[in-house]
N, C-alpha and C. Protein backbone atom coordinates (compact mmCIF):
# COMPACT_ATOMS: atom_id res chain seq x y z
N MET A 1 117.35 -5.73 54.48
CA MET A 1 118.37 -5.37 53.33
C MET A 1 119.05 -4.07 53.79
N LYS A 2 120.44 -3.96 53.70
CA LYS A 2 121.15 -3.13 54.15
C LYS A 2 121.17 -1.94 52.88
N LEU A 3 120.78 -0.84 52.82
CA LEU A 3 120.94 -0.05 51.61
C LEU A 3 122.33 0.59 51.74
N ASN A 4 122.65 1.04 50.51
CA ASN A 4 124.23 1.96 50.48
C ASN A 4 123.93 2.83 49.49
N LEU A 5 123.29 4.03 50.04
CA LEU A 5 123.23 4.99 48.97
C LEU A 5 123.96 6.39 49.13
N LEU A 6 124.90 6.28 50.06
CA LEU A 6 125.67 7.47 50.49
C LEU A 6 126.91 7.12 50.29
N GLU A 7 128.10 8.21 50.00
CA GLU A 7 129.23 8.04 50.01
C GLU A 7 129.80 7.78 51.53
N GLU A 8 131.09 7.40 51.69
CA GLU A 8 131.42 7.13 52.94
C GLU A 8 131.73 8.53 53.83
N ASP A 9 132.12 9.49 53.13
CA ASP A 9 132.14 10.86 54.08
C ASP A 9 130.93 11.07 54.37
N SER A 10 129.82 10.76 53.94
CA SER A 10 128.33 11.21 54.54
C SER A 10 127.77 10.40 55.56
N ARG A 11 128.77 9.48 56.20
CA ARG A 11 127.94 8.53 57.04
C ARG A 11 129.13 8.34 58.14
N ILE A 12 128.78 7.98 59.42
CA ILE A 12 129.54 7.91 60.30
C ILE A 12 129.05 7.08 61.47
N SER A 13 130.13 6.39 62.08
CA SER A 13 129.78 4.94 62.93
C SER A 13 129.34 5.56 64.37
N THR A 14 128.43 4.52 65.14
CA THR A 14 128.15 4.90 65.89
C THR A 14 129.18 4.91 67.07
N THR A 15 130.27 4.54 67.07
CA THR A 15 131.24 4.77 67.78
C THR A 15 131.95 6.10 67.87
N GLU A 16 132.03 6.59 66.36
CA GLU A 16 132.79 7.71 66.04
C GLU A 16 131.61 8.88 66.87
N LEU A 17 130.53 8.68 66.66
CA LEU A 17 129.58 9.48 67.26
C LEU A 17 129.75 9.68 68.61
N LYS A 18 129.55 8.76 69.27
CA LYS A 18 129.79 8.62 70.86
C LYS A 18 131.25 9.51 71.05
N GLU A 19 132.25 9.47 70.35
CA GLU A 19 133.32 10.01 70.76
C GLU A 19 133.12 11.56 70.57
N LYS A 20 132.40 12.06 69.65
CA LYS A 20 132.14 13.43 68.96
C LYS A 20 131.28 13.88 70.72
N ILE A 21 130.31 13.20 70.88
CA ILE A 21 129.39 13.36 72.09
C ILE A 21 130.29 13.66 73.17
N VAL A 22 131.16 12.81 73.47
CA VAL A 22 132.17 12.68 74.67
C VAL A 22 132.82 14.01 74.49
N LYS A 23 133.37 14.46 73.65
CA LYS A 23 134.51 15.59 73.42
C LYS A 23 133.51 16.89 73.60
N GLY A 24 132.28 16.88 73.52
CA GLY A 24 131.47 17.93 73.77
C GLY A 24 131.15 18.75 72.40
N GLU A 25 131.47 18.35 71.26
CA GLU A 25 130.98 18.66 69.87
C GLU A 25 129.75 19.14 69.86
N ALA A 26 129.42 20.34 68.90
CA ALA A 26 128.02 20.72 68.96
C ALA A 26 127.21 19.89 67.74
N TYR A 27 126.17 19.27 68.04
CA TYR A 27 125.61 18.36 66.95
C TYR A 27 123.95 18.65 67.26
N VAL A 28 123.16 18.29 66.19
CA VAL A 28 121.74 18.11 66.35
C VAL A 28 121.67 16.61 66.01
N LEU A 29 121.00 15.75 66.51
CA LEU A 29 120.72 14.43 65.97
C LEU A 29 119.13 14.34 65.81
N VAL A 30 118.92 13.85 64.55
CA VAL A 30 117.50 13.89 63.97
C VAL A 30 117.35 12.46 63.95
N ASP A 31 116.04 12.04 64.74
CA ASP A 31 115.98 10.48 64.63
C ASP A 31 114.37 10.54 63.47
N VAL A 32 114.59 9.81 62.51
CA VAL A 32 113.52 10.00 61.49
C VAL A 32 112.60 8.72 61.92
N ARG A 33 112.54 8.07 62.55
CA ARG A 33 111.67 6.73 62.95
C ARG A 33 110.25 7.17 63.08
N PRO A 34 109.29 6.66 62.92
CA PRO A 34 107.79 7.12 63.25
C PRO A 34 107.72 7.39 64.94
N GLU A 35 106.66 8.12 64.92
CA GLU A 35 106.72 8.98 66.70
C GLU A 35 106.48 7.74 67.56
N HIS A 36 105.60 6.75 67.19
CA HIS A 36 105.28 5.78 68.08
C HIS A 36 106.58 4.73 68.33
N HIS A 37 107.60 4.67 67.34
CA HIS A 37 108.86 3.87 67.52
C HIS A 37 110.08 5.03 68.68
N PHE A 38 109.66 6.17 68.30
CA PHE A 38 110.60 7.16 69.31
C PHE A 38 110.26 7.25 70.32
N LYS A 39 108.92 6.97 70.84
CA LYS A 39 108.34 7.02 72.16
C LYS A 39 108.72 5.71 72.79
N ILE A 40 109.09 4.84 72.29
CA ILE A 40 109.54 3.45 73.01
C ILE A 40 110.80 3.76 73.32
N VAL A 41 111.72 4.07 72.45
CA VAL A 41 113.21 4.09 72.75
C VAL A 41 113.72 5.25 71.77
N SER A 42 114.68 6.30 72.54
CA SER A 42 115.47 7.19 71.69
C SER A 42 116.41 7.59 72.42
N LEU A 43 117.58 8.37 71.78
CA LEU A 43 118.77 8.91 72.18
C LEU A 43 118.39 10.12 72.80
N PRO A 44 119.01 10.33 74.08
CA PRO A 44 118.70 11.56 74.89
C PRO A 44 119.25 12.72 73.86
N GLY A 45 118.07 13.74 74.07
CA GLY A 45 118.42 15.04 73.37
C GLY A 45 117.81 14.82 71.61
N SER A 46 117.63 13.81 71.27
CA SER A 46 117.61 13.61 69.50
C SER A 46 115.97 14.39 69.60
N LEU A 47 116.06 14.66 68.24
CA LEU A 47 114.77 15.61 67.79
C LEU A 47 114.06 14.33 66.69
N ASN A 48 112.66 14.37 67.29
CA ASN A 48 112.05 13.19 66.15
C ASN A 48 111.49 13.96 65.17
N ILE A 49 111.96 13.65 64.20
CA ILE A 49 111.02 14.23 62.83
C ILE A 49 111.21 13.02 61.70
N PRO A 50 109.90 12.44 61.82
CA PRO A 50 109.51 11.16 60.98
C PRO A 50 109.96 11.60 59.44
N LEU A 51 110.54 10.40 58.69
CA LEU A 51 111.25 11.01 57.55
C LEU A 51 109.83 11.32 56.70
N ARG A 52 108.63 11.09 56.43
CA ARG A 52 107.80 11.53 55.63
C ARG A 52 107.44 13.10 56.03
N SER A 53 107.78 13.49 57.15
CA SER A 53 107.55 15.16 57.39
C SER A 53 108.67 15.61 57.35
N LEU A 54 109.78 15.09 56.97
CA LEU A 54 111.12 15.82 56.98
C LEU A 54 111.27 17.33 56.10
N GLU A 55 110.59 17.16 55.12
CA GLU A 55 110.74 18.59 54.01
C GLU A 55 109.78 19.53 54.92
N ALA A 56 108.74 19.16 55.61
CA ALA A 56 108.02 20.37 56.12
C ALA A 56 108.69 20.66 57.44
N ARG A 57 109.24 19.88 57.98
CA ARG A 57 109.91 20.41 59.08
C ARG A 57 111.28 20.87 59.10
N LEU A 58 111.76 21.19 58.01
CA LEU A 58 113.41 21.94 57.74
C LEU A 58 113.37 23.01 58.86
N PRO A 59 112.42 24.00 58.92
CA PRO A 59 113.00 25.05 59.77
C PRO A 59 113.21 24.58 61.12
N GLU A 60 112.45 23.61 61.32
CA GLU A 60 112.89 23.06 62.95
C GLU A 60 114.27 22.72 63.20
N ILE A 61 115.17 22.00 61.83
CA ILE A 61 116.27 21.58 61.91
C ILE A 61 117.15 22.64 61.71
N SER A 62 116.89 23.68 61.09
CA SER A 62 117.64 25.04 60.73
C SER A 62 117.79 25.46 62.32
N SER A 63 116.72 25.64 63.18
CA SER A 63 116.87 26.40 64.26
C SER A 63 117.51 25.67 65.31
N ALA A 64 117.08 24.40 65.36
CA ALA A 64 118.30 23.60 66.25
C ALA A 64 119.62 23.69 65.84
N LEU A 65 120.26 23.53 64.61
CA LEU A 65 121.58 23.76 64.29
C LEU A 65 121.86 25.18 64.59
N GLU A 66 121.37 26.03 64.53
CA GLU A 66 121.58 27.57 65.12
C GLU A 66 121.74 27.45 66.40
N GLU A 67 120.80 27.16 67.26
CA GLU A 67 120.85 27.01 68.66
C GLU A 67 121.99 26.43 69.17
N GLU A 68 122.45 25.05 68.47
CA GLU A 68 123.54 24.38 69.26
C GLU A 68 124.84 25.07 68.79
N SER A 69 124.98 25.75 67.55
CA SER A 69 125.98 26.39 67.41
C SER A 69 126.23 27.50 68.00
N ASN A 70 125.22 28.37 68.47
CA ASN A 70 125.34 29.46 69.46
C ASN A 70 125.72 29.08 70.71
N LYS A 71 125.31 27.79 71.19
CA LYS A 71 125.48 27.38 72.66
C LYS A 71 127.01 26.87 72.83
N ALA A 72 127.56 26.50 71.58
CA ALA A 72 129.04 25.87 71.46
C ALA A 72 129.87 27.23 71.46
N GLY A 73 129.51 28.04 70.59
CA GLY A 73 130.26 29.24 70.58
C GLY A 73 131.67 29.08 69.64
N SER A 74 131.42 27.80 69.14
CA SER A 74 132.90 27.85 68.44
C SER A 74 133.07 28.35 66.94
N GLY A 75 132.03 28.89 66.35
CA GLY A 75 132.15 29.04 64.98
C GLY A 75 132.08 28.45 64.03
N SER A 76 132.32 26.98 64.34
CA SER A 76 132.38 26.05 63.34
C SER A 76 131.02 25.42 63.01
N GLY A 77 129.94 25.82 64.10
CA GLY A 77 128.57 25.33 63.58
C GLY A 77 128.20 23.91 63.94
N ALA A 78 127.48 23.57 64.27
CA ALA A 78 126.78 22.28 65.00
C ALA A 78 126.81 21.08 63.53
N GLN A 79 127.38 19.92 63.86
CA GLN A 79 126.72 18.87 62.60
C GLN A 79 125.46 18.22 63.04
N LEU A 80 125.24 18.19 61.61
CA LEU A 80 123.60 17.38 61.67
C LEU A 80 123.91 15.89 61.43
N TYR A 81 123.30 15.00 62.45
CA TYR A 81 123.38 13.80 62.19
C TYR A 81 121.94 13.20 61.98
N VAL A 82 121.79 12.27 61.17
CA VAL A 82 120.63 11.37 61.10
C VAL A 82 120.37 9.90 61.64
N MET A 83 119.38 9.44 62.19
CA MET A 83 119.50 7.98 62.78
C MET A 83 117.97 7.65 62.47
N CYS A 84 117.85 6.20 62.33
CA CYS A 84 116.63 5.71 62.21
C CYS A 84 116.75 4.34 63.15
N ARG A 85 115.96 3.38 62.60
CA ARG A 85 116.19 1.90 63.31
C ARG A 85 117.61 1.48 62.92
N ARG A 86 117.66 1.18 61.37
CA ARG A 86 118.79 0.21 60.96
C ARG A 86 119.64 0.81 60.38
N GLY A 87 119.42 2.12 59.79
CA GLY A 87 120.46 2.91 58.94
C GLY A 87 119.92 2.96 57.60
N ASN A 88 118.73 2.46 57.35
CA ASN A 88 118.10 2.73 55.90
C ASN A 88 117.17 3.88 55.59
N ASP A 89 116.41 4.14 56.37
CA ASP A 89 115.67 5.48 56.17
C ASP A 89 116.37 6.66 56.45
N SER A 90 117.62 6.65 57.24
CA SER A 90 118.22 7.74 57.57
C SER A 90 119.16 8.24 56.55
N GLN A 91 119.60 6.92 55.61
CA GLN A 91 120.21 7.31 54.36
C GLN A 91 119.10 7.89 53.50
N ARG A 92 118.12 7.63 53.38
CA ARG A 92 117.25 8.37 52.49
C ARG A 92 117.06 9.82 52.90
N ALA A 93 117.06 10.18 54.22
CA ALA A 93 116.72 11.02 54.75
C ALA A 93 117.90 12.19 54.54
N VAL A 94 119.03 11.65 54.42
CA VAL A 94 120.65 12.32 54.38
C VAL A 94 120.32 12.86 52.83
N GLN A 95 120.04 12.05 52.05
CA GLN A 95 120.07 12.12 50.41
C GLN A 95 119.19 13.33 50.14
N SER A 96 118.16 13.32 51.02
CA SER A 96 117.13 14.53 50.67
C SER A 96 117.83 16.00 51.40
N LEU A 97 118.08 15.84 52.49
CA LEU A 97 118.61 16.75 53.44
C LEU A 97 119.84 17.40 52.29
N HIS A 98 120.64 16.77 51.99
CA HIS A 98 121.64 17.10 50.83
C HIS A 98 121.28 17.85 49.95
N LYS A 99 120.05 17.43 49.27
CA LYS A 99 119.59 18.03 47.91
C LYS A 99 118.87 19.43 48.22
N LEU A 100 118.35 19.37 49.86
CA LEU A 100 117.60 20.35 50.15
C LEU A 100 118.72 21.54 51.04
N GLY A 101 119.99 21.41 50.54
CA GLY A 101 120.86 22.46 51.17
C GLY A 101 121.62 22.11 52.45
N PHE A 102 121.07 21.06 53.30
CA PHE A 102 121.99 20.53 54.47
C PHE A 102 123.00 19.76 53.90
N THR A 103 123.94 20.21 53.51
CA THR A 103 124.96 19.49 52.71
C THR A 103 126.11 18.88 53.65
N SER A 104 125.87 19.08 55.00
CA SER A 104 127.11 18.55 56.24
C SER A 104 126.05 17.30 56.76
N ALA A 105 124.84 17.24 56.47
CA ALA A 105 124.01 16.06 57.24
C ALA A 105 124.68 14.71 56.85
N LYS A 106 124.66 13.75 58.18
CA LYS A 106 125.67 12.56 57.92
C LYS A 106 124.47 11.63 58.58
N ASP A 107 124.60 10.10 57.72
CA ASP A 107 123.83 9.29 58.35
C ASP A 107 124.71 8.40 59.51
N ILE A 108 123.97 7.88 60.32
CA ILE A 108 124.82 7.16 61.32
C ILE A 108 124.79 5.41 61.04
N LEU A 109 125.53 5.08 60.75
CA LEU A 109 125.70 3.55 60.35
C LEU A 109 124.99 2.60 61.21
N GLY A 110 123.95 1.60 60.87
CA GLY A 110 123.52 0.94 61.65
C GLY A 110 122.28 1.51 62.44
N GLY A 111 122.01 2.84 62.78
CA GLY A 111 121.22 3.31 63.38
C GLY A 111 120.75 3.07 64.81
N LEU A 112 119.85 3.00 65.52
CA LEU A 112 119.68 2.68 66.78
C LEU A 112 120.22 1.48 67.19
N GLU A 113 120.05 0.30 66.31
CA GLU A 113 120.28 -1.30 66.84
C GLU A 113 121.74 -0.98 66.65
N GLY A 114 122.79 -0.31 65.91
CA GLY A 114 124.09 -0.23 65.96
C GLY A 114 124.76 0.57 67.18
N TRP A 115 123.91 1.56 67.76
CA TRP A 115 124.15 1.96 68.89
C TRP A 115 124.29 1.25 69.94
N ALA A 116 122.82 0.34 70.01
CA ALA A 116 122.60 -0.40 71.00
C ALA A 116 123.81 -1.54 71.18
N ARG A 117 124.12 -2.17 69.80
CA ARG A 117 125.05 -3.08 69.56
C ARG A 117 126.59 -2.64 70.21
N ASP A 118 126.91 -1.69 69.79
CA ASP A 118 128.39 -1.01 69.83
C ASP A 118 128.50 -0.05 70.93
N VAL A 119 127.57 0.83 71.35
CA VAL A 119 127.91 1.74 72.36
C VAL A 119 127.12 1.40 73.52
N ASP A 120 125.82 1.14 73.56
CA ASP A 120 125.02 1.06 74.59
C ASP A 120 124.39 -0.16 74.75
N PRO A 121 125.01 -1.52 75.14
CA PRO A 121 124.00 -2.29 75.21
C PRO A 121 122.69 -2.45 76.33
N ASN A 122 122.76 -1.63 76.84
CA ASN A 122 121.56 -1.34 77.95
C ASN A 122 120.36 -0.75 77.33
N LEU A 123 120.68 -0.26 76.06
CA LEU A 123 119.45 0.42 75.42
C LEU A 123 118.42 -0.57 75.03
N PRO A 124 117.12 -0.26 75.67
CA PRO A 124 116.07 -1.40 75.08
C PRO A 124 115.87 -1.25 73.68
N MET A 125 115.87 -2.34 73.00
CA MET A 125 115.47 -2.42 71.80
C MET A 125 114.13 -3.23 71.49
N TYR A 126 113.56 -2.78 70.44
CA TYR A 126 112.18 -3.50 70.17
C TYR A 126 112.16 -4.33 68.68
């Protein structure tokens, strides 16, 4: 079942994300899948913070965003993207993040499966 919990402007397609990565935009990608799933396959540079430990690990997200913004030096700050396997848990995570003050957090439509389908067919899926 596909959930639809967020407004459109709080979501981004896998192809849009790929374009932003290619352009070199500053971002932090949080993967909210359980650790054993993350170990099987993940996108390079993503930060594994399982959904259930999200609130406890907010400082890690803050530091990662700060670090990426400083690296970019663009002044605009790094964008926060959230991914899971299919795009349901990441919506829940983005809802929580919005309530916790990370108002620019965006969900990646279709999650890792969407990425494998639309961006990188060589990504091993489980």
